[in-house]
């Protein structure tokens, strides 16, 4: 974390093309006045400056993690595309990871978010949002965290908030710590630290148990149906983010949405009615992060004991039923 408070911006406000040395590597940033958010006139330069300032807080969530590049070279209203395989497409000094994907039966080189230069290079390619794997290359099949993704369909954001509160309550009863962030788009993400002790399959099954319990508490407006038509407009409690190579916007990632909203970690007492997605943007995020520090950090620390958590919950249930 930067000493002496706030980092200055990396790029000056006028030059269209600018070169900078980052981590000892020469980076060239071009078309910096290109408008990425038409309504607010937010530019590519603003995006790169944000990622430069947030990098010290964000990099722990990217280090050693393969990235799925979601590129918006023409800004949020232009066409976008995903790039996973960077074979022969990135500078030699960048760290990549060779992974054999069973779904498409091919070898792909994924870019690793290992340093600031790589993060800024991605932003320079038009990666408005940053999407890391939930596992690192050290244990690619064992996620660092389990994710419950609460996304409204025709529901209000206040109902998403209520579902998050119920999720927290259920996890509290299991003795399981959990941490919440805005998705920066329409929903909330709840992370549970696993410490890379369990497989994706085990993580997914645990998330399935949790959302099944949430659905039982809130049957009126939540659904476990995968197919949109079967949900009948109810909020999907998504536990399927917990699978190999699935990616979700990282903590502090910008999203390609109106207002340049950011996926922002929250204290649980902030997860209440009145919370708004647009409260957190690239213009106020840095100030908040610098005053609170990285409140999401426990997600990277000691993982829970799944067996203990499930046992504690079943014991509680038995007591309630006796």
Protein backbone atom coordinates (compact mmCIF):
# COMPACT_ATOMS: atom_id res chain seq x y z
CA UNK A 1 0.00 0.00 0.00
CA UNK A 2 1.48 3.37 -0.96
CA UNK A 3 3.42 5.15 1.76
CA UNK A 4 2.43 8.70 2.45
CA UNK A 5 -1.15 8.34 1.35
CA UNK A 6 -2.60 8.78 -2.09
CA UNK A 7 -0.82 7.83 -5.30
CA UNK A 8 -0.67 10.54 -7.92
CA UNK A 9 -2.16 9.76 -11.32
CA UNK A 10 0.10 7.95 -13.78
CA UNK A 11 -0.84 9.83 -16.95
CA UNK A 12 -0.92 13.54 -17.67
CA UNK A 13 -4.27 15.04 -18.70
CA UNK A 14 -3.28 16.15 -22.22
CA UNK A 15 -0.99 13.89 -24.28
CA UNK A 16 -2.76 11.34 -26.49
CA UNK A 17 0.10 8.85 -26.38
CA UNK A 18 2.27 8.41 -23.30
CA UNK A 19 5.07 6.04 -22.39
CA UNK A 20 5.76 5.03 -18.79
CA UNK A 21 8.20 2.68 -17.10
CA UNK A 22 6.32 0.36 -14.72
CA UNK A 23 8.04 -2.47 -12.81
CA UNK A 24 11.05 -1.83 -15.05
CA UNK A 25 9.04 -2.42 -18.23
CA UNK A 26 8.25 0.15 -20.91
CA UNK A 27 4.53 0.55 -21.45
CA UNK A 28 2.98 2.65 -24.19
CA UNK A 29 -0.54 4.00 -23.70
CA UNK A 30 -2.40 5.26 -26.78
CA UNK A 31 -5.71 6.97 -27.72
CA UNK A 32 -5.99 8.25 -24.17
CA UNK A 33 -8.78 10.75 -24.89
CA UNK A 34 -10.99 8.03 -26.32
CA UNK A 35 -14.36 8.24 -24.58
CA UNK A 36 -15.17 4.97 -22.81
CA UNK A 37 -18.33 6.20 -21.04
CA UNK A 38 -20.20 8.51 -23.44
CA UNK A 39 -22.75 9.89 -21.00
CA UNK A 40 -20.21 10.96 -18.39
CA UNK A 41 -17.38 11.65 -20.89
CA UNK A 42 -15.06 9.34 -18.97
CA UNK A 43 -11.96 8.46 -20.97
CA UNK A 44 -9.51 5.62 -21.39
CA UNK A 45 -7.03 7.87 -19.53
CA UNK A 46 -9.37 8.02 -16.51
CA UNK A 47 -9.62 4.22 -16.50
CA UNK A 48 -5.85 3.68 -16.59
CA UNK A 49 -5.30 6.30 -13.88
CA UNK A 50 -7.84 4.54 -11.67
CA UNK A 51 -6.16 1.14 -12.07
CA UNK A 52 -2.79 2.73 -11.33
CA UNK A 53 -4.12 4.21 -8.09
CA UNK A 54 -6.00 1.09 -6.97
CA UNK A 55 -3.29 -1.40 -8.00
CA UNK A 56 -1.69 -1.85 -4.54
CA UNK A 57 -5.08 -2.89 -3.10
CA UNK A 58 -6.23 -4.94 -6.07
CA UNK A 59 -3.14 -6.95 -7.00
CA UNK A 60 -3.44 -9.49 -4.14
CA UNK A 61 -6.67 -10.69 -5.85
CA UNK A 62 -4.95 -11.04 -9.24
CA UNK A 63 -1.52 -12.44 -8.39
CA UNK A 64 -0.89 -15.94 -9.77
CA UNK A 65 -4.43 -15.99 -11.17
CA UNK A 66 -5.18 -16.59 -14.85
CA UNK A 67 -7.16 -13.69 -16.31
CA UNK A 68 -10.02 -13.69 -18.75
CA UNK A 69 -9.61 -10.47 -20.74
CA UNK A 70 -12.94 -8.77 -21.37
CA UNK A 71 -11.99 -6.12 -23.91
CA UNK A 72 -14.06 -3.03 -24.75
CA UNK A 73 -11.76 -1.18 -27.16
CA UNK A 74 -14.54 1.22 -28.17
CA UNK A 75 -15.86 1.86 -24.67
CA UNK A 76 -18.98 0.57 -22.94
CA UNK A 77 -21.33 1.03 -25.89
CA UNK A 78 -19.03 -0.53 -28.48
CA UNK A 79 -18.57 -4.22 -29.27
CA UNK A 80 -16.65 -6.24 -26.70
CA UNK A 81 -14.98 -9.63 -26.74
CA UNK A 82 -13.32 -12.11 -24.41
CA UNK A 83 -9.73 -13.13 -24.92
CA UNK A 84 -8.43 -16.00 -22.83
CA UNK A 85 -5.58 -17.41 -24.88
CA UNK A 86 -2.76 -14.85 -25.18
CA UNK A 87 -0.27 -17.13 -26.99
CA UNK A 88 2.08 -14.88 -28.98
CA UNK A 89 -0.06 -11.81 -28.27
CA UNK A 90 1.57 -10.25 -25.18
CA UNK A 91 5.12 -9.02 -24.42
CA UNK A 92 7.59 -11.74 -23.44
CA UNK A 93 8.14 -10.35 -19.95
CA UNK A 94 4.57 -11.08 -18.93
CA UNK A 95 3.84 -14.18 -16.89
CA UNK A 96 1.52 -16.66 -18.55
CA UNK A 97 0.17 -20.03 -17.51
CA UNK A 98 -0.27 -23.01 -19.80
CA UNK A 99 -3.52 -24.77 -19.00
CA UNK A 100 -5.09 -27.66 -20.84
CA UNK A 101 -8.80 -26.91 -21.04
CA UNK A 102 -10.84 -30.07 -20.99
CA UNK A 103 -13.97 -28.36 -22.36
CA UNK A 104 -12.32 -27.39 -25.66
CA UNK A 105 -9.48 -29.93 -25.40
CA UNK A 106 -6.73 -27.44 -26.15
CA UNK A 107 -3.73 -25.82 -24.53
CA UNK A 108 -4.16 -22.15 -23.74
CA UNK A 109 -1.74 -19.61 -22.35
CA UNK A 110 -3.58 -17.46 -19.83
CA UNK A 111 -2.18 -14.10 -18.73
CA UNK A 112 -1.38 -13.91 -15.00
CA UNK A 113 -2.21 -10.71 -13.10
CA UNK A 114 1.15 -10.74 -11.38
CA UNK A 115 2.14 -7.10 -11.28
CA UNK A 116 1.12 -3.55 -11.83
CA UNK A 117 2.58 -3.40 -15.34
CA UNK A 118 0.34 -6.31 -16.39
CA UNK A 119 -2.76 -4.71 -14.83
CA UNK A 120 -2.08 -1.43 -16.64
CA UNK A 121 -1.33 -3.27 -19.88
CA UNK A 122 -4.75 -4.97 -19.61
CA UNK A 123 -6.43 -1.59 -19.00
CA UNK A 124 -4.60 -0.27 -22.07
CA UNK A 125 -6.15 -3.08 -24.15
CA UNK A 126 -9.60 -1.85 -23.14
CA UNK A 127 -10.16 -4.30 -20.30
CA UNK A 128 -12.59 -2.15 -18.37
CA UNK A 129 -13.25 -4.97 -15.94
CA UNK A 130 -10.70 -7.40 -14.55
CA UNK A 131 -11.75 -11.05 -14.31
CA UNK A 132 -9.45 -13.43 -12.42
CA UNK A 133 -9.95 -17.11 -11.75
CA UNK A 134 -11.04 -18.09 -8.24
CA UNK A 135 -7.96 -20.33 -7.97
CA UNK A 136 -4.25 -19.66 -8.42
CA UNK A 137 -1.79 -21.55 -10.61
CA UNK A 138 -0.35 -23.15 -7.46
CA UNK A 139 -3.58 -25.11 -6.96
CA UNK A 140 -5.61 -24.54 -10.13
CA UNK A 141 -8.39 -26.95 -9.15
CA UNK A 142 -8.76 -25.65 -5.58
CA UNK A 143 -10.42 -22.23 -5.36
CA UNK A 144 -9.28 -19.63 -2.83
CA UNK A 145 -12.89 -18.67 -2.15
CA UNK A 146 -16.46 -19.78 -2.70
CA UNK A 147 -18.83 -17.25 -4.31
CA UNK A 148 -22.56 -16.76 -3.94
CA UNK A 149 -23.78 -14.42 -6.65
CA UNK A 150 -27.06 -12.63 -5.93
CA UNK A 151 -28.42 -11.06 -9.07
CA UNK A 152 -31.87 -9.54 -9.41
CA UNK A 153 -34.10 -10.33 -12.32
CA UNK A 154 -37.22 -8.24 -11.95
CA UNK A 155 -36.45 -7.77 -8.26
CA UNK A 156 -35.52 -4.60 -6.51
CA UNK A 157 -31.99 -4.09 -5.22
CA UNK A 158 -33.48 -3.98 -1.70
CA UNK A 159 -34.54 -7.60 -2.18
CA UNK A 160 -30.98 -8.49 -3.21
CA UNK A 161 -29.86 -6.81 0.02
CA UNK A 162 -32.36 -8.85 2.01
CA UNK A 163 -31.14 -12.08 0.37
CA UNK A 164 -27.56 -11.10 1.28
CA UNK A 165 -28.58 -10.51 4.91
CA UNK A 166 -30.27 -13.93 5.05
CA UNK A 167 -27.17 -15.55 3.50
CA UNK A 168 -25.03 -13.90 6.18
CA UNK A 169 -27.37 -15.12 8.92
CA UNK A 170 -27.22 -18.73 7.64
CA UNK A 171 -23.43 -18.61 7.39
CA UNK A 172 -23.21 -17.09 10.89
CA UNK A 173 -25.13 -20.09 12.20
CA UNK A 174 -22.52 -22.34 10.58
CA UNK A 175 -19.72 -20.31 12.12
CA UNK A 176 -18.57 -19.36 8.62
CA UNK A 177 -17.13 -15.89 7.93
CA UNK A 178 -18.27 -14.23 4.71
CA UNK A 179 -17.58 -10.96 2.97
CA UNK A 180 -19.79 -8.94 0.66
CA UNK A 181 -19.10 -6.64 -2.27
CA UNK A 182 -21.25 -4.88 -4.81
CA UNK A 183 -20.95 -6.50 -8.22
CA UNK A 184 -20.67 -3.01 -9.73
CA UNK A 185 -23.46 -4.05 -12.09
CA UNK A 186 -26.81 -5.04 -10.56
CA UNK A 187 -26.16 -7.50 -7.73
CA UNK A 188 -24.06 -8.48 -4.73
CA UNK A 189 -21.26 -11.05 -4.44
CA UNK A 190 -20.66 -12.94 -1.19
CA UNK A 191 -17.24 -14.57 -0.78
CA UNK A 192 -16.36 -17.33 1.69
CA UNK A 193 -12.64 -18.00 2.30
CA UNK A 194 -11.65 -21.59 1.46
CA UNK A 195 -7.86 -21.31 1.64
CA UNK A 196 -7.55 -23.55 -1.47
CA UNK A 197 -8.34 -26.62 0.66
CA UNK A 198 -11.29 -27.91 -1.37
CA UNK A 199 -12.05 -28.64 -5.02
CA UNK A 200 -14.34 -26.55 -7.20
CA UNK A 201 -16.88 -29.35 -6.96
CA UNK A 202 -16.86 -29.22 -3.13
CA UNK A 203 -17.06 -25.43 -3.19
CA UNK A 204 -20.03 -25.57 -5.57
CA UNK A 205 -21.83 -28.15 -3.41
CA UNK A 206 -21.32 -26.03 -0.30
CA UNK A 207 -22.69 -22.97 -2.12
CA UNK A 208 -25.64 -25.10 -3.28
CA UNK A 209 -26.47 -25.98 0.35
CA UNK A 210 -26.29 -22.32 1.37
CA UNK A 211 -28.51 -21.01 -1.45
CA UNK A 212 -31.01 -23.83 -0.90
CA UNK A 213 -31.37 -22.60 2.69
CA UNK A 214 -31.69 -18.97 1.51
CA UNK A 215 -34.38 -20.02 -0.97
CA UNK A 216 -36.25 -21.80 1.83
CA UNK A 217 -36.30 -18.54 3.82
CA UNK A 218 -37.24 -16.35 0.83
CA UNK A 219 -39.31 -18.54 -1.53
CA UNK A 220 -41.49 -15.66 -2.75
CA UNK A 221 -38.82 -13.94 -4.79
CA UNK A 222 -35.76 -16.22 -5.05
CA UNK A 223 -35.15 -19.14 -7.38
CA UNK A 224 -32.65 -21.96 -7.86
CA UNK A 225 -33.73 -22.55 -11.47
CA UNK A 226 -30.91 -22.26 -13.97
CA UNK A 227 -33.10 -21.56 -17.00
CA UNK A 228 -34.35 -17.97 -17.02
CA UNK A 229 -37.84 -18.96 -18.22
CA UNK A 230 -38.27 -21.30 -15.23
CA UNK A 231 -37.47 -18.55 -12.73
CA UNK A 232 -40.65 -16.62 -13.50
CA UNK A 233 -38.93 -13.30 -12.83
CA UNK A 234 -37.51 -14.36 -9.48
CA UNK A 235 -33.98 -13.60 -8.32
CA UNK A 236 -31.49 -16.33 -9.22
CA UNK A 237 -29.34 -17.54 -6.33
CA UNK A 238 -26.27 -18.41 -8.37
CA UNK A 239 -23.90 -21.02 -6.96
CA UNK A 240 -22.51 -22.08 -10.35
CA UNK A 241 -19.78 -19.43 -10.35
CA UNK A 242 -17.85 -22.06 -8.37
CA UNK A 243 -16.46 -24.00 -11.29
CA UNK A 244 -13.08 -24.26 -12.95
CA UNK A 245 -12.15 -21.27 -15.15
CA UNK A 246 -15.29 -19.32 -14.26
CA UNK A 247 -14.49 -15.69 -13.64
CA UNK A 248 -16.22 -12.86 -11.86
CA UNK A 249 -15.21 -9.19 -11.60
CA UNK A 250 -12.43 -8.80 -9.02
CA UNK A 251 -12.75 -6.66 -5.90
CA UNK A 252 -12.19 -3.00 -6.92
CA UNK A 253 -12.73 -3.80 -10.61
CA UNK A 254 -14.48 -1.18 -12.71
CA UNK A 255 -17.51 -2.44 -14.65
CA UNK A 256 -18.50 -1.45 -18.19
CA UNK A 257 -21.72 0.09 -16.89
CA UNK A 258 -23.11 3.63 -16.83
CA UNK A 259 -21.41 5.79 -14.21
CA UNK A 260 -18.14 3.76 -14.22
CA UNK A 261 -19.24 1.82 -11.16
CA UNK A 262 -16.77 -0.27 -9.17
CA UNK A 263 -17.18 -3.68 -7.51
CA UNK A 264 -16.74 -2.46 -3.94
CA UNK A 265 -16.14 -4.48 -0.77
CA UNK A 266 -18.60 -3.54 1.98
CA UNK A 267 -18.79 -3.75 5.74
CA UNK A 268 -21.81 -5.89 6.68
CA UNK A 269 -23.48 -2.94 8.42
CA UNK A 270 -23.52 -1.17 5.04
CA UNK A 271 -25.49 -4.01 3.46
CA UNK A 272 -28.86 -2.50 4.23
CA UNK A 273 -31.74 -0.71 2.54
CA UNK A 274 -30.60 2.45 0.83
CA UNK A 275 -27.32 0.98 -0.45
CA UNK A 276 -26.94 1.88 -4.14
CA UNK A 277 -24.66 0.53 -6.85
CA UNK A 278 -23.89 4.04 -8.03
CA UNK A 279 -22.49 4.96 -4.60
CA UNK A 280 -19.14 3.56 -5.75
CA UNK A 281 -17.44 4.81 -8.91
CA UNK A 282 -13.90 5.35 -10.18
CA UNK A 283 -14.19 8.92 -8.90
CA UNK A 284 -14.79 8.19 -5.22
CA UNK A 285 -13.49 4.64 -4.78
CA UNK A 286 -9.85 5.52 -4.09
CA UNK A 287 -10.74 7.88 -1.26
CA UNK A 288 -12.89 5.22 0.38
CA UNK A 289 -10.31 2.45 -0.02
CA UNK A 290 -7.55 4.63 1.38
CA UNK A 291 -9.58 5.49 4.44
CA UNK A 292 -10.89 1.95 5.15
CA UNK A 293 -7.96 -0.08 3.81
CA UNK A 294 -8.67 -3.41 2.12
CA UNK A 295 -11.62 -4.75 4.13
CA UNK A 296 -11.89 -7.78 1.82
CA UNK A 297 -8.47 -9.15 2.79
CA UNK A 298 -9.74 -12.00 5.05
CA UNK A 299 -11.02 -13.68 1.85
CA UNK A 300 -7.37 -14.43 1.03
CA UNK A 301 -6.55 -15.69 4.49
CA UNK A 302 -7.38 -18.79 6.52
CA UNK A 303 -9.99 -20.99 4.88
CA UNK A 304 -13.00 -22.44 6.68
CA UNK A 305 -13.44 -26.07 7.68
CA UNK A 306 -16.36 -27.26 5.53
CA UNK A 307 -17.04 -30.43 7.53
CA UNK A 308 -17.15 -28.47 10.79
CA UNK A 309 -19.45 -25.84 9.25
CA UNK A 310 -21.96 -28.40 8.02
CA UNK A 311 -21.83 -30.33 11.31
CA UNK A 312 -22.40 -27.15 13.31
CA UNK A 313 -25.40 -26.32 11.16
CA UNK A 314 -26.97 -29.78 11.43
CA UNK A 315 -26.40 -29.78 15.21
CA UNK A 316 -28.17 -26.40 15.43
CA UNK A 317 -31.07 -27.71 13.33
CA UNK A 318 -31.45 -30.74 15.58
CA UNK A 319 -31.51 -28.53 18.68
CA UNK A 320 -34.20 -26.34 17.12
CA UNK A 321 -36.27 -29.40 16.25
CA UNK A 322 -36.01 -31.01 19.69
